[in-house]
Amino acid sequence: MSWKFDAYYCDHCDKEIKEGQEYYSMAARDNWDQVHIECFHDYTINALSAYLGTMKPDDNEDDEI
């Protein structure tokens, strides 16, 4: 039985990650995301921005320590 590369698609640019091409694979949400190395910076910025956009302001900001 020979090993076959399963086709992956970049979760940032939606282009195929070709066999032998380097990419990052990381746990994200409920699955694994694969991202081209050259797309990683933009992917990370977009993911962080989306995450920070879901945060609520701290309503205890004015409390003294």
PDB file of N, CA and C in Angstrom:
ATOM      1  N   MET A   1       0.845  -1.177   0.000  1.00  0.00           N
ATOM      2  CA  MET A   1       0.000   0.000   0.000  1.00  0.00           C
ATOM      3  C   MET A   1       0.889   1.238   0.000  1.00  0.00           C
ATOM      4  N   SER A   2       0.645   2.140  -0.906  1.00  0.00           N
ATOM      5  CA  SER A   2       1.457   3.349  -0.969  1.00  0.00           C
ATOM      6  C   SER A   2       0.711   4.522  -0.344  1.00  0.00           C
ATOM      7  N   TRP A   3       1.496   5.458   0.156  1.00  0.00           N
ATOM      8  CA  TRP A   3       0.928   6.630   0.795  1.00  0.00           C
ATOM      9  C   TRP A   3       0.552   7.643  -0.272  1.00  0.00           C
ATOM     10  N   LYS A   4      -0.625   8.231  -0.165  1.00  0.00           N
ATOM     11  CA  LYS A   4      -1.082   9.238  -1.121  1.00  0.00           C
ATOM     12  C   LYS A   4      -1.371  10.529  -0.369  1.00  0.00           C
ATOM     13  N   PHE A   5      -0.880  11.626  -0.894  1.00  0.00           N
ATOM     14  CA  PHE A   5      -1.125  12.940  -0.306  1.00  0.00           C
ATOM     15  C   PHE A   5      -2.576  13.334  -0.556  1.00  0.00           C
ATOM     16  N   ASP A   6      -3.306  13.628   0.514  1.00  0.00           N
ATOM     17  CA  ASP A   6      -4.673  14.132   0.364  1.00  0.00           C
ATOM     18  C   ASP A   6      -4.600  15.611  -0.003  1.00  0.00           C
ATOM     19  N   ALA A   7      -5.452  16.036  -0.888  1.00  0.00           N
ATOM     20  CA  ALA A   7      -5.452  17.442  -1.288  1.00  0.00           C
ATOM     21  C   ALA A   7      -5.934  18.314  -0.134  1.00  0.00           C
ATOM     22  N   TYR A   8      -5.151  19.318   0.177  1.00  0.00           N
ATOM     23  CA  TYR A   8      -5.526  20.317   1.169  1.00  0.00           C
ATOM     24  C   TYR A   8      -5.691  21.642   0.445  1.00  0.00           C
ATOM     25  N   TYR A   9      -6.526  22.482   0.991  1.00  0.00           N
ATOM     26  CA  TYR A   9      -6.711  23.818   0.449  1.00  0.00           C
ATOM     27  C   TYR A   9      -6.447  24.820   1.559  1.00  0.00           C
ATOM     28  N   CYS A  10      -5.751  25.888   1.208  1.00  0.00           N
ATOM     29  CA  CYS A  10      -5.404  26.925   2.167  1.00  0.00           C
ATOM     30  C   CYS A  10      -6.682  27.579   2.687  1.00  0.00           C
ATOM     31  N   ASP A  11      -6.787  27.689   4.002  1.00  0.00           N
ATOM     32  CA  ASP A  11      -7.965  28.300   4.604  1.00  0.00           C
ATOM     33  C   ASP A  11      -7.928  29.824   4.537  1.00  0.00           C
ATOM     34  N   HIS A  12      -6.866  30.380   3.937  1.00  0.00           N
ATOM     35  CA  HIS A  12      -6.817  31.829   3.746  1.00  0.00           C
ATOM     36  C   HIS A  12      -7.100  32.206   2.294  1.00  0.00           C
ATOM     37  N   CYS A  13      -6.380  31.592   1.350  1.00  0.00           N
ATOM     38  CA  CYS A  13      -6.523  31.980  -0.065  1.00  0.00           C
ATOM     39  C   CYS A  13      -7.338  30.980  -0.883  1.00  0.00           C
ATOM     40  N   ASP A  14      -7.697  29.846  -0.300  1.00  0.00           N
ATOM     41  CA  ASP A  14      -8.502  28.797  -0.955  1.00  0.00           C
ATOM     42  C   ASP A  14      -7.814  28.129  -2.144  1.00  0.00           C
ATOM     43  N   LYS A  15      -6.508  28.306  -2.282  1.00  0.00           N
ATOM     44  CA  LYS A  15      -5.768  27.617  -3.344  1.00  0.00           C
ATOM     45  C   LYS A  15      -5.238  26.293  -2.805  1.00  0.00           C
ATOM     46  N   GLU A  16      -5.057  25.341  -3.708  1.00  0.00           N
ATOM     47  CA  GLU A  16      -4.587  24.016  -3.306  1.00  0.00           C
ATOM     48  C   GLU A  16      -3.164  24.077  -2.763  1.00  0.00           C
ATOM     49  N   ILE A  17      -2.923  23.310  -1.718  1.00  0.00           N
ATOM     50  CA  ILE A  17      -1.571  23.122  -1.202  1.00  0.00           C
ATOM     51  C   ILE A  17      -1.028  21.893  -1.912  1.00  0.00           C
ATOM     52  N   LYS A  18      -0.044  22.101  -2.736  1.00  0.00           N
ATOM     53  CA  LYS A  18       0.470  21.022  -3.578  1.00  0.00           C
ATOM     54  C   LYS A  18       1.398  20.100  -2.795  1.00  0.00           C
ATOM     55  N   GLU A  19       1.496  18.871  -3.256  1.00  0.00           N
ATOM     56  CA  GLU A  19       2.365  17.888  -2.613  1.00  0.00           C
ATOM     57  C   GLU A  19       3.793  18.412  -2.572  1.00  0.00           C
ATOM     58  N   GLY A  20       4.405  18.336  -1.406  1.00  0.00           N
ATOM     59  CA  GLY A  20       5.770  18.799  -1.219  1.00  0.00           C
ATOM     60  C   GLY A  20       5.864  20.265  -0.812  1.00  0.00           C
ATOM     61  N   GLN A  21       4.767  21.006  -0.928  1.00  0.00           N
ATOM     62  CA  GLN A  21       4.761  22.415  -0.552  1.00  0.00           C
ATOM     63  C   GLN A  21       4.626  22.537   0.965  1.00  0.00           C
ATOM     64  N   GLU A  22       5.376  23.447   1.559  1.00  0.00           N
ATOM     65  CA  GLU A  22       5.319  23.619   3.007  1.00  0.00           C
ATOM     66  C   GLU A  22       4.081  24.411   3.399  1.00  0.00           C
ATOM     67  N   TYR A  23       3.479  24.026   4.532  1.00  0.00           N
ATOM     68  CA  TYR A  23       2.290  24.708   5.028  1.00  0.00           C
ATOM     69  C   TYR A  23       2.197  24.514   6.530  1.00  0.00           C
ATOM     70  N   TYR A  24       1.402  25.356   7.164  1.00  0.00           N
ATOM     71  CA  TYR A  24       1.112  25.206   8.583  1.00  0.00           C
ATOM     72  C   TYR A  24      -0.216  24.490   8.731  1.00  0.00           C
ATOM     73  N   SER A  25      -0.309  23.631   9.722  1.00  0.00           N
ATOM     74  CA  SER A  25      -1.561  22.968  10.059  1.00  0.00           C
ATOM     75  C   SER A  25      -1.804  23.228  11.535  1.00  0.00           C
ATOM     76  N   MET A  26      -2.958  23.794  11.854  1.00  0.00           N
ATOM     77  CA  MET A  26      -3.209  24.168  13.241  1.00  0.00           C
ATOM     78  C   MET A  26      -4.658  23.926  13.622  1.00  0.00           C
ATOM     79  N   ALA A  27      -4.862  23.674  14.891  1.00  0.00           N
ATOM     80  CA  ALA A  27      -6.228  23.498  15.386  1.00  0.00           C
ATOM     81  C   ALA A  27      -6.910  24.857  15.376  1.00  0.00           C
ATOM     82  N   ALA A  28      -8.087  24.897  14.792  1.00  0.00           N
ATOM     83  CA  ALA A  28      -8.845  26.145  14.728  1.00  0.00           C
ATOM     84  C   ALA A  28     -10.325  25.815  14.779  1.00  0.00           C
ATOM     85  N   ARG A  29     -11.000  26.480  15.666  1.00  0.00           N
ATOM     86  CA  ARG A  29     -12.438  26.242  15.836  1.00  0.00           C
ATOM     87  C   ARG A  29     -12.678  24.757  16.090  1.00  0.00           C
ATOM     88  N   ASP A  30     -13.477  24.105  15.274  1.00  0.00           N
ATOM     89  CA  ASP A  30     -13.817  22.689  15.488  1.00  0.00           C
ATOM     90  C   ASP A  30     -13.067  21.748  14.557  1.00  0.00           C
ATOM     91  N   ASN A  31     -12.045  22.236  13.870  1.00  0.00           N
ATOM     92  CA  ASN A  31     -11.335  21.399  12.912  1.00  0.00           C
ATOM     93  C   ASN A  31      -9.877  21.845  12.813  1.00  0.00           C
ATOM     94  N   TRP A  32      -9.197  21.335  11.824  1.00  0.00           N
ATOM     95  CA  TRP A  32      -7.811  21.724  11.564  1.00  0.00           C
ATOM     96  C   TRP A  32      -7.784  22.600  10.331  1.00  0.00           C
ATOM     97  N   ASP A  33      -7.048  23.704  10.401  1.00  0.00           N
ATOM     98  CA  ASP A  33      -6.867  24.582   9.253  1.00  0.00           C
ATOM     99  C   ASP A  33      -5.471  24.373   8.693  1.00  0.00           C
ATOM    100  N   GLN A  34      -5.377  24.373   7.379  1.00  0.00           N
ATOM    101  CA  GLN A  34      -4.096  24.311   6.698  1.00  0.00           C
ATOM    102  C   GLN A  34      -3.901  25.650   5.990  1.00  0.00           C
ATOM    103  N   VAL A  35      -2.698  26.222   6.125  1.00  0.00           N
ATOM    104  CA  VAL A  35      -2.431  27.542   5.570  1.00  0.00           C
ATOM    105  C   VAL A  35      -1.043  27.544   4.945  1.00  0.00           C
ATOM    106  N   HIS A  36      -0.943  28.077   3.709  1.00  0.00           N
ATOM    107  CA  HIS A  36       0.373  28.258   3.094  1.00  0.00           C
ATOM    108  C   HIS A  36       1.257  29.079   4.034  1.00  0.00           C
ATOM    109  N   ILE A  37       2.527  28.813   4.045  1.00  0.00           N
ATOM    110  CA  ILE A  37       3.439  29.585   4.887  1.00  0.00           C
ATOM    111  C   ILE A  37       3.377  31.065   4.519  1.00  0.00           C
ATOM    112  N   GLU A  38       3.281  31.361   3.215  1.00  0.00           N
ATOM    113  CA  GLU A  38       3.238  32.761   2.792  1.00  0.00           C
ATOM    114  C   GLU A  38       1.899  33.441   3.131  1.00  0.00           C
ATOM    115  N   CYS A  39       0.868  32.676   3.458  1.00  0.00           N
ATOM    116  CA  CYS A  39      -0.441  33.232   3.847  1.00  0.00           C
ATOM    117  C   CYS A  39      -0.600  33.332   5.361  1.00  0.00           C
ATOM    118  N   PHE A  40       0.336  32.754   6.104  1.00  0.00           N
ATOM    119  CA  PHE A  40       0.172  32.622   7.550  1.00  0.00           C
ATOM    120  C   PHE A  40      -0.007  33.966   8.258  1.00  0.00           C
ATOM    121  N   HIS A  41       0.785  34.967   7.889  1.00  0.00           N
ATOM    122  CA  HIS A  41       0.709  36.272   8.549  1.00  0.00           C
ATOM    123  C   HIS A  41      -0.687  36.870   8.398  1.00  0.00           C
ATOM    124  N   ASP A  42      -1.193  36.950   7.173  1.00  0.00           N
ATOM    125  CA  ASP A  42      -2.520  37.528   6.940  1.00  0.00           C
ATOM    126  C   ASP A  42      -3.613  36.697   7.608  1.00  0.00           C
ATOM    127  N   TYR A  43      -3.483  35.371   7.545  1.00  0.00           N
ATOM    128  CA  TYR A  43      -4.462  34.477   8.178  1.00  0.00           C
ATOM    129  C   TYR A  43      -4.525  34.738   9.684  1.00  0.00           C
ATOM    130  N   THR A  44      -3.359  34.873  10.311  1.00  0.00           N
ATOM    131  CA  THR A  44      -3.283  35.089  11.751  1.00  0.00           C
ATOM    132  C   THR A  44      -3.889  36.438  12.138  1.00  0.00           C
ATOM    133  N   ILE A  45      -3.574  37.481  11.374  1.00  0.00           N
ATOM    134  CA  ILE A  45      -4.127  38.812  11.650  1.00  0.00           C
ATOM    135  C   ILE A  45      -5.649  38.783  11.535  1.00  0.00           C
ATOM    136  N   ASN A  46      -6.174  38.147  10.488  1.00  0.00           N
ATOM    137  CA  ASN A  46      -7.627  38.064  10.302  1.00  0.00           C
ATOM    138  C   ASN A  46      -8.289  37.275  11.427  1.00  0.00           C
ATOM    139  N   ALA A  47      -7.679  36.159  11.815  1.00  0.00           N
ATOM    140  CA  ALA A  47      -8.246  35.332  12.884  1.00  0.00           C
ATOM    141  C   ALA A  47      -8.228  36.080  14.213  1.00  0.00           C
ATOM    142  N   LEU A  48      -7.139  36.769  14.502  1.00  0.00           N
ATOM    143  CA  LEU A  48      -7.038  37.526  15.748  1.00  0.00           C
ATOM    144  C   LEU A  48      -8.043  38.673  15.766  1.00  0.00           C
ATOM    145  N   SER A  49      -8.189  39.366  14.655  1.00  0.00           N
ATOM    146  CA  SER A  49      -9.160  40.461  14.569  1.00  0.00           C
ATOM    147  C   SER A  49     -10.578  39.950  14.794  1.00  0.00           C
ATOM    148  N   ALA A  50     -10.900  38.809  14.209  1.00  0.00           N
ATOM    149  CA  ALA A  50     -12.234  38.228  14.387  1.00  0.00           C
ATOM    150  C   ALA A  50     -12.450  37.838  15.847  1.00  0.00           C
ATOM    151  N   TYR A  51     -11.423  37.257  16.466  1.00  0.00           N
ATOM    152  CA  TYR A  51     -11.531  36.861  17.873  1.00  0.00           C
ATOM    153  C   TYR A  51     -11.715  38.083  18.768  1.00  0.00           C
ATOM    154  N   LEU A  52     -10.904  39.105  18.560  1.00  0.00           N
ATOM    155  CA  LEU A  52     -11.001  40.303  19.395  1.00  0.00           C
ATOM    156  C   LEU A  52     -12.331  41.017  19.190  1.00  0.00           C
ATOM    157  N   GLY A  53     -12.901  40.898  18.011  1.00  0.00           N
ATOM    158  CA  GLY A  53     -14.194  41.509  17.737  1.00  0.00           C
ATOM    159  C   GLY A  53     -15.328  40.857  18.506  1.00  0.00           C
ATOM    160  N   THR A  54     -15.119  39.641  19.003  1.00  0.00           N
ATOM    161  CA  THR A  54     -16.162  38.946  19.759  1.00  0.00           C
ATOM    162  C   THR A  54     -16.058  39.201  21.258  1.00  0.00           C
ATOM    163  N   MET A  55     -14.984  39.857  21.681  1.00  0.00           N
ATOM    164  CA  MET A  55     -14.792  40.108  23.109  1.00  0.00           C
ATOM    165  C   MET A  55     -15.676  41.258  23.570  1.00  0.00           C
ATOM    166  N   LYS A  56     -16.126  41.171  24.806  1.00  0.00           N
ATOM    167  CA  LYS A  56     -16.941  42.234  25.390  1.00  0.00           C
ATOM    168  C   LYS A  56     -16.041  43.110  26.254  1.00  0.00           C
ATOM    169  N   PRO A  57     -16.343  44.400  26.310  1.00  0.00           N
ATOM    170  CA  PRO A  57     -15.536  45.279  27.169  1.00  0.00           C
ATOM    171  C   PRO A  57     -15.640  44.840  28.628  1.00  0.00           C
ATOM    172  N   ASP A  58     -14.583  45.038  29.350  1.00  0.00           N
ATOM    173  CA  ASP A  58     -14.570  44.691  30.774  1.00  0.00           C
ATOM    174  C   ASP A  58     -15.400  45.720  31.531  1.00  0.00           C
ATOM    175  N   ASP A  59     -16.490  45.281  32.141  1.00  0.00           N
ATOM    176  CA  ASP A  59     -17.358  46.227  32.846  1.00  0.00           C
ATOM    177  C   ASP A  59     -16.835  46.558  34.244  1.00  0.00           C
ATOM    178  N   ASN A  60     -15.734  45.975  34.650  1.00  0.00           N
ATOM    179  CA  ASN A  60     -15.128  46.279  35.947  1.00  0.00           C
ATOM    180  C   ASN A  60     -13.896  47.159  35.793  1.00  0.00           C
ATOM    181  N   GLU A  61     -13.803  47.883  34.704  1.00  0.00           N
ATOM    182  CA  GLU A  61     -12.637  48.704  34.405  1.00  0.00           C
ATOM    183  C   GLU A  61     -12.347  49.740  35.488  1.00  0.00           C
ATOM    184  N   ASP A  62     -13.393  50.308  36.064  1.00  0.00           N
ATOM    185  CA  ASP A  62     -13.218  51.408  37.005  1.00  0.00           C
ATOM    186  C   ASP A  62     -13.012  50.951  38.447  1.00  0.00           C
ATOM    187  N   ASP A  63     -13.040  49.662  38.683  1.00  0.00           N
ATOM    188  CA  ASP A  63     -12.854  49.156  40.042  1.00  0.00           C
ATOM    189  C   ASP A  63     -11.424  49.395  40.511  1.00  0.00           C
ATOM    190  N   GLU A  64     -11.296  49.808  41.766  1.00  0.00           N
ATOM    191  CA  GLU A  64      -9.964  49.993  42.332  1.00  0.00           C
ATOM    192  C   GLU A  64      -9.448  48.663  42.849  1.00  0.00           C
ATOM    193  N   ILE A  65      -8.142  48.524  42.829  1.00  0.00           N
ATOM    194  CA  ILE A  65      -7.519  47.286  43.303  1.00  0.00           C
ATOM    195  C   ILE A  65      -7.220  47.414  44.771  1.00  0.00           C
TER     196      ILE A  65
END
